[in-house]
């Protein structure tokens, strides 16, 4: 039987680990050909090695905050696979985020990757999709855009780092902007906003006590795994979502429940 993405070519940024790796695995299982775009060569090559038996997959080192690198990623994908149908903007600074750094410089660094990088990849991919009259772009925001207080302490040490949630809220708005700009060319742009997802990065970054509190606050009372998000990405990338654009789907087990 064919998959829902048979014959499609997808770039998945940050696919060397975590949620992006789960997306790559599911997309291959659904019949897509996948370009892993990751800034870390070891992770990117390891992903190709691990998933190569599932379908056609390749890796190109990509720094999404660098316009030339974003353009080169799209060019390499078209050269390798002949076209581009789907862009999954998953990459972000998260696994090594420093919640103690509240400097303007650090905010600018996070913004350059998490928000501007999403725009740069969309800008690079759009001309290919416009030329063929069809495309799917799926951005990745976060539940942090809807319910985020960081890790509060009893003593005040200054206004804390808000860089991660503000970039993710910016992606919700960017999704609407891109959808309005590109819809007339047959390109849909949607957004997934995951809750706290049990990746290696989350285990490293988020205290267990906080994880337990957040899990107990959800309607489903269970922890979100990367694989729980992959079905939504497939839906947005497929023809089933042909008339769905500018939308954000929060997948957090029933924590934020935005209207």
Protein backbone atom coordinates (compact mmCIF):
# COMPACT_ATOMS: atom_id res chain seq x y z
CA UNK A 1 0.00 0.00 0.00
CA UNK A 2 1.13 3.52 -0.72
CA UNK A 3 1.67 6.12 1.96
CA UNK A 4 -0.05 9.47 2.31
CA UNK A 5 3.08 11.24 1.07
CA UNK A 6 4.06 9.01 -1.83
CA UNK A 7 6.44 10.76 -4.21
CA UNK A 8 6.73 13.90 -2.08
CA UNK A 9 10.09 15.49 -1.30
CA UNK A 10 10.47 17.02 2.14
CA UNK A 11 13.11 19.08 3.88
CA UNK A 12 13.00 18.59 7.64
CA UNK A 13 15.21 20.99 9.57
CA UNK A 14 16.72 19.83 12.83
CA UNK A 15 16.02 16.23 11.84
CA UNK A 16 19.20 14.91 13.38
CA UNK A 17 17.51 14.32 16.73
CA UNK A 18 14.36 14.59 18.79
CA UNK A 19 11.10 15.65 17.16
CA UNK A 20 12.72 16.26 13.78
CA UNK A 21 14.08 12.71 13.71
CA UNK A 22 10.61 11.35 14.51
CA UNK A 23 9.19 13.43 11.66
CA UNK A 24 11.81 12.07 9.27
CA UNK A 25 11.04 8.49 10.25
CA UNK A 26 7.29 8.93 9.79
CA UNK A 27 7.65 10.80 6.50
CA UNK A 28 9.78 7.99 5.08
CA UNK A 29 7.20 5.45 6.23
CA UNK A 30 4.53 7.51 4.43
CA UNK A 31 6.47 7.34 1.15
CA UNK A 32 8.26 10.70 1.16
CA UNK A 33 11.87 11.30 0.22
CA UNK A 34 13.58 13.26 2.98
CA UNK A 35 16.41 15.76 3.17
CA UNK A 36 17.74 16.01 6.71
CA UNK A 37 18.85 19.61 7.28
CA UNK A 38 20.82 19.93 10.50
CA UNK A 39 23.63 22.16 11.69
CA UNK A 40 25.35 19.21 13.38
CA UNK A 41 27.06 16.93 10.85
CA UNK A 42 27.42 13.99 13.23
CA UNK A 43 23.72 14.00 14.07
CA UNK A 44 22.71 14.47 10.45
CA UNK A 45 24.83 11.61 9.19
CA UNK A 46 23.68 9.39 12.05
CA UNK A 47 20.04 10.06 11.12
CA UNK A 48 20.67 9.02 7.53
CA UNK A 49 22.44 5.89 8.74
CA UNK A 50 19.63 5.00 11.14
CA UNK A 51 16.75 5.64 8.74
CA UNK A 52 18.29 4.69 5.40
CA UNK A 53 16.49 1.35 5.34
CA UNK A 54 13.09 3.05 5.46
CA UNK A 55 13.40 5.01 2.24
CA UNK A 56 15.34 7.60 0.28
CA UNK A 57 17.05 10.03 2.62
CA UNK A 58 20.01 12.40 2.44
CA UNK A 59 21.71 15.00 4.63
CA UNK A 60 22.89 18.54 4.03
CA UNK A 61 24.51 20.62 6.74
CA UNK A 62 22.33 23.68 7.24
CA UNK A 63 22.54 26.69 9.50
CA UNK A 64 19.03 28.08 9.18
CA UNK A 65 20.09 31.47 10.58
CA UNK A 66 22.45 31.95 7.61
CA UNK A 67 20.64 33.06 4.42
CA UNK A 68 23.26 31.47 2.15
CA UNK A 69 23.02 28.17 4.01
CA UNK A 70 19.21 28.16 3.80
CA UNK A 71 19.38 28.79 0.05
CA UNK A 72 22.03 26.09 -0.36
CA UNK A 73 19.85 23.58 1.50
CA UNK A 74 16.98 24.07 -0.93
CA UNK A 75 19.33 23.97 -3.93
CA UNK A 76 20.91 20.72 -2.68
CA UNK A 77 17.47 19.18 -2.18
CA UNK A 78 16.32 20.04 -5.70
CA UNK A 79 19.60 18.78 -7.12
CA UNK A 80 19.33 15.49 -5.24
CA UNK A 81 15.60 14.78 -5.57
CA UNK A 82 14.53 16.94 -8.50
CA UNK A 83 11.94 19.04 -6.64
CA UNK A 84 10.65 20.19 -3.26
CA UNK A 85 7.10 19.68 -1.99
CA UNK A 86 7.25 20.04 1.79
CA UNK A 87 9.26 22.13 4.22
CA UNK A 88 9.12 21.25 7.92
CA UNK A 89 10.60 24.13 9.93
CA UNK A 90 11.47 22.18 13.06
CA UNK A 91 15.00 23.37 13.92
CA UNK A 92 15.47 25.64 16.94
CA UNK A 93 17.83 26.38 19.79
CA UNK A 94 16.37 24.32 22.59
CA UNK A 95 18.63 21.45 23.60
CA UNK A 96 21.38 23.82 24.73
CA UNK A 97 19.29 26.84 25.73
CA UNK A 98 20.58 28.83 28.71
CA UNK A 99 17.66 30.01 30.84
CA UNK A 100 20.02 32.01 33.05
CA UNK A 101 21.21 34.30 30.26
CA UNK A 102 18.86 37.29 30.09
CA UNK A 103 21.13 39.44 27.94
CA UNK A 104 19.96 41.21 24.81
CA UNK A 105 22.72 39.46 22.84
CA UNK A 106 21.39 36.05 23.80
CA UNK A 107 17.85 37.05 22.90
CA UNK A 108 19.11 38.13 19.48
CA UNK A 109 20.91 34.80 19.02
CA UNK A 110 17.80 32.77 19.85
CA UNK A 111 15.66 34.97 17.62
CA UNK A 112 18.10 34.62 14.72
CA UNK A 113 17.68 30.85 14.74
CA UNK A 114 14.21 30.13 16.06
CA UNK A 115 12.26 32.88 14.32
CA UNK A 116 14.35 34.39 11.56
CA UNK A 117 15.61 30.95 10.56
CA UNK A 118 12.05 29.81 9.97
CA UNK A 119 11.46 32.81 7.72
CA UNK A 120 14.75 32.30 5.86
CA UNK A 121 13.95 28.66 5.10
CA UNK A 122 10.47 29.62 3.95
CA UNK A 123 11.92 32.34 1.75
CA UNK A 124 14.36 29.87 0.21
CA UNK A 125 11.74 27.18 -0.42
CA UNK A 126 8.92 29.38 -1.71
CA UNK A 127 10.21 30.02 -5.25
CA UNK A 128 10.46 26.28 -5.98
CA UNK A 129 6.93 25.71 -4.68
CA UNK A 130 5.52 28.75 -6.49
CA UNK A 131 7.00 27.52 -9.78
CA UNK A 132 5.18 24.19 -9.48
CA UNK A 133 1.95 25.72 -8.10
CA UNK A 134 1.90 23.59 -4.98
CA UNK A 135 3.66 23.33 -1.65
CA UNK A 136 3.30 22.58 2.03
CA UNK A 137 5.13 24.46 4.78
CA UNK A 138 4.78 23.34 8.38
CA UNK A 139 6.29 25.60 11.04
CA UNK A 140 7.01 24.54 14.59
CA UNK A 141 6.00 26.80 17.44
CA UNK A 142 5.61 25.59 21.02
CA UNK A 143 3.06 25.34 23.78
CA UNK A 144 5.39 27.77 25.54
CA UNK A 145 3.85 30.47 23.36
CA UNK A 146 0.54 29.96 25.17
CA UNK A 147 1.48 29.08 28.75
CA UNK A 148 4.98 29.85 29.93
CA UNK A 149 6.40 31.15 33.19
CA UNK A 150 9.89 29.69 32.97
CA UNK A 151 11.26 28.23 36.16
CA UNK A 152 10.28 30.86 38.78
CA UNK A 153 12.25 31.27 41.98
CA UNK A 154 11.37 32.81 45.33
CA UNK A 155 14.03 35.52 45.12
CA UNK A 156 13.98 38.20 42.42
CA UNK A 157 17.16 38.30 40.34
CA UNK A 158 15.93 40.56 37.54
CA UNK A 159 13.48 40.03 34.71
CA UNK A 160 14.21 36.60 33.29
CA UNK A 161 15.00 35.22 29.86
CA UNK A 162 11.92 35.23 27.64
CA UNK A 163 13.69 34.45 24.37
CA UNK A 164 12.31 30.96 23.69
CA UNK A 165 8.57 31.62 24.19
CA UNK A 166 8.63 34.95 22.36
CA UNK A 167 10.26 33.40 19.30
CA UNK A 168 7.70 30.62 19.31
CA UNK A 169 4.83 33.07 19.60
CA UNK A 170 6.42 34.94 16.72
CA UNK A 171 6.26 31.76 14.63
CA UNK A 172 2.50 31.57 15.21
CA UNK A 173 2.21 35.06 13.71
CA UNK A 174 4.74 34.31 10.98
CA UNK A 175 2.66 31.30 9.94
CA UNK A 176 -0.38 33.50 9.33
CA UNK A 177 1.73 36.00 7.37
CA UNK A 178 3.27 33.30 5.18
CA UNK A 179 -0.10 31.65 4.61
CA UNK A 180 -1.62 34.91 3.41
CA UNK A 181 1.34 35.62 1.12
CA UNK A 182 1.62 32.17 -0.45
CA UNK A 183 -1.93 30.84 -0.60
CA UNK A 184 -2.63 32.20 -4.07
CA UNK A 185 0.21 30.02 -5.39
CA UNK A 186 -1.23 26.78 -4.05
CA UNK A 187 1.02 26.74 -0.97
CA UNK A 188 -0.40 26.08 2.49
CA UNK A 189 1.41 27.15 5.65
CA UNK A 190 0.42 25.72 9.02
CA UNK A 191 1.94 25.37 12.44
CA UNK A 192 2.34 22.74 15.15
CA UNK A 193 2.76 23.89 18.76
CA UNK A 194 3.94 20.95 20.86
CA UNK A 195 3.78 20.82 24.60
CA UNK A 196 6.77 19.62 26.58
CA UNK A 197 7.96 16.66 24.53
CA UNK A 198 10.07 13.86 25.98
CA UNK A 199 13.17 14.26 23.88
CA UNK A 200 16.73 13.87 25.09
CA UNK A 201 16.94 17.67 25.12
CA UNK A 202 13.90 17.98 27.39
CA UNK A 203 15.30 15.47 29.86
CA UNK A 204 18.52 17.48 29.90
CA UNK A 205 16.90 20.93 30.08
CA UNK A 206 13.71 20.63 32.12
CA UNK A 207 13.79 19.63 35.82
CA UNK A 208 11.92 16.42 36.61
CA UNK A 209 9.85 18.19 39.26
CA UNK A 210 8.63 20.68 36.66
CA UNK A 211 7.89 17.89 34.19
CA UNK A 212 5.76 16.09 36.77
CA UNK A 213 3.82 19.25 37.61
CA UNK A 214 3.15 20.04 33.96
CA UNK A 215 2.11 16.46 33.19
CA UNK A 216 -0.36 16.41 36.06
CA UNK A 217 -1.82 19.70 34.80
CA UNK A 218 -2.75 18.23 31.39
CA UNK A 219 -6.12 16.68 30.65
CA UNK A 220 -4.56 13.39 29.51
CA UNK A 221 -2.15 13.07 32.47
CA UNK A 222 0.55 11.55 30.31
CA UNK A 223 3.79 12.66 28.71
CA UNK A 224 4.11 13.68 25.09
CA UNK A 225 6.52 11.66 22.93
CA UNK A 226 8.02 12.86 19.60
CA UNK A 227 6.04 10.21 17.73
CA UNK A 228 2.80 11.75 19.02
CA UNK A 229 3.46 14.82 16.87
CA UNK A 230 4.34 13.09 13.61
CA UNK A 231 0.76 12.40 12.53
CA UNK A 232 -0.08 16.10 12.60
CA UNK A 233 2.93 16.90 10.43
CA UNK A 234 1.86 14.23 7.92
CA UNK A 235 -1.68 15.65 7.86
CA UNK A 236 -0.51 19.21 7.17
CA UNK A 237 1.87 17.92 4.47
CA UNK A 238 -0.77 15.81 2.76
CA UNK A 239 -3.62 16.58 0.38
CA UNK A 240 -6.03 15.99 3.27
CA UNK A 241 -5.04 19.49 4.44
CA UNK A 242 -5.46 21.05 0.99
CA UNK A 243 -7.89 23.68 2.26
CA UNK A 244 -6.26 24.24 5.65
CA UNK A 245 -3.81 27.13 5.98
CA UNK A 246 -2.71 29.71 8.52
CA UNK A 247 -3.67 27.39 11.37
CA UNK A 248 -1.84 26.44 14.56
CA UNK A 249 -2.50 23.06 16.16
CA UNK A 250 -1.52 22.85 19.82
CA UNK A 251 -0.58 19.30 20.82
CA UNK A 252 0.05 19.29 24.55
CA UNK A 253 -2.28 16.73 26.06
CA UNK A 254 -4.87 19.35 26.93
CA UNK A 255 -2.88 21.94 28.88
CA UNK A 256 -3.29 25.27 27.09
CA UNK A 257 -6.46 24.51 25.09
CA UNK A 258 -6.44 27.86 23.21
CA UNK A 259 -9.57 28.83 21.29
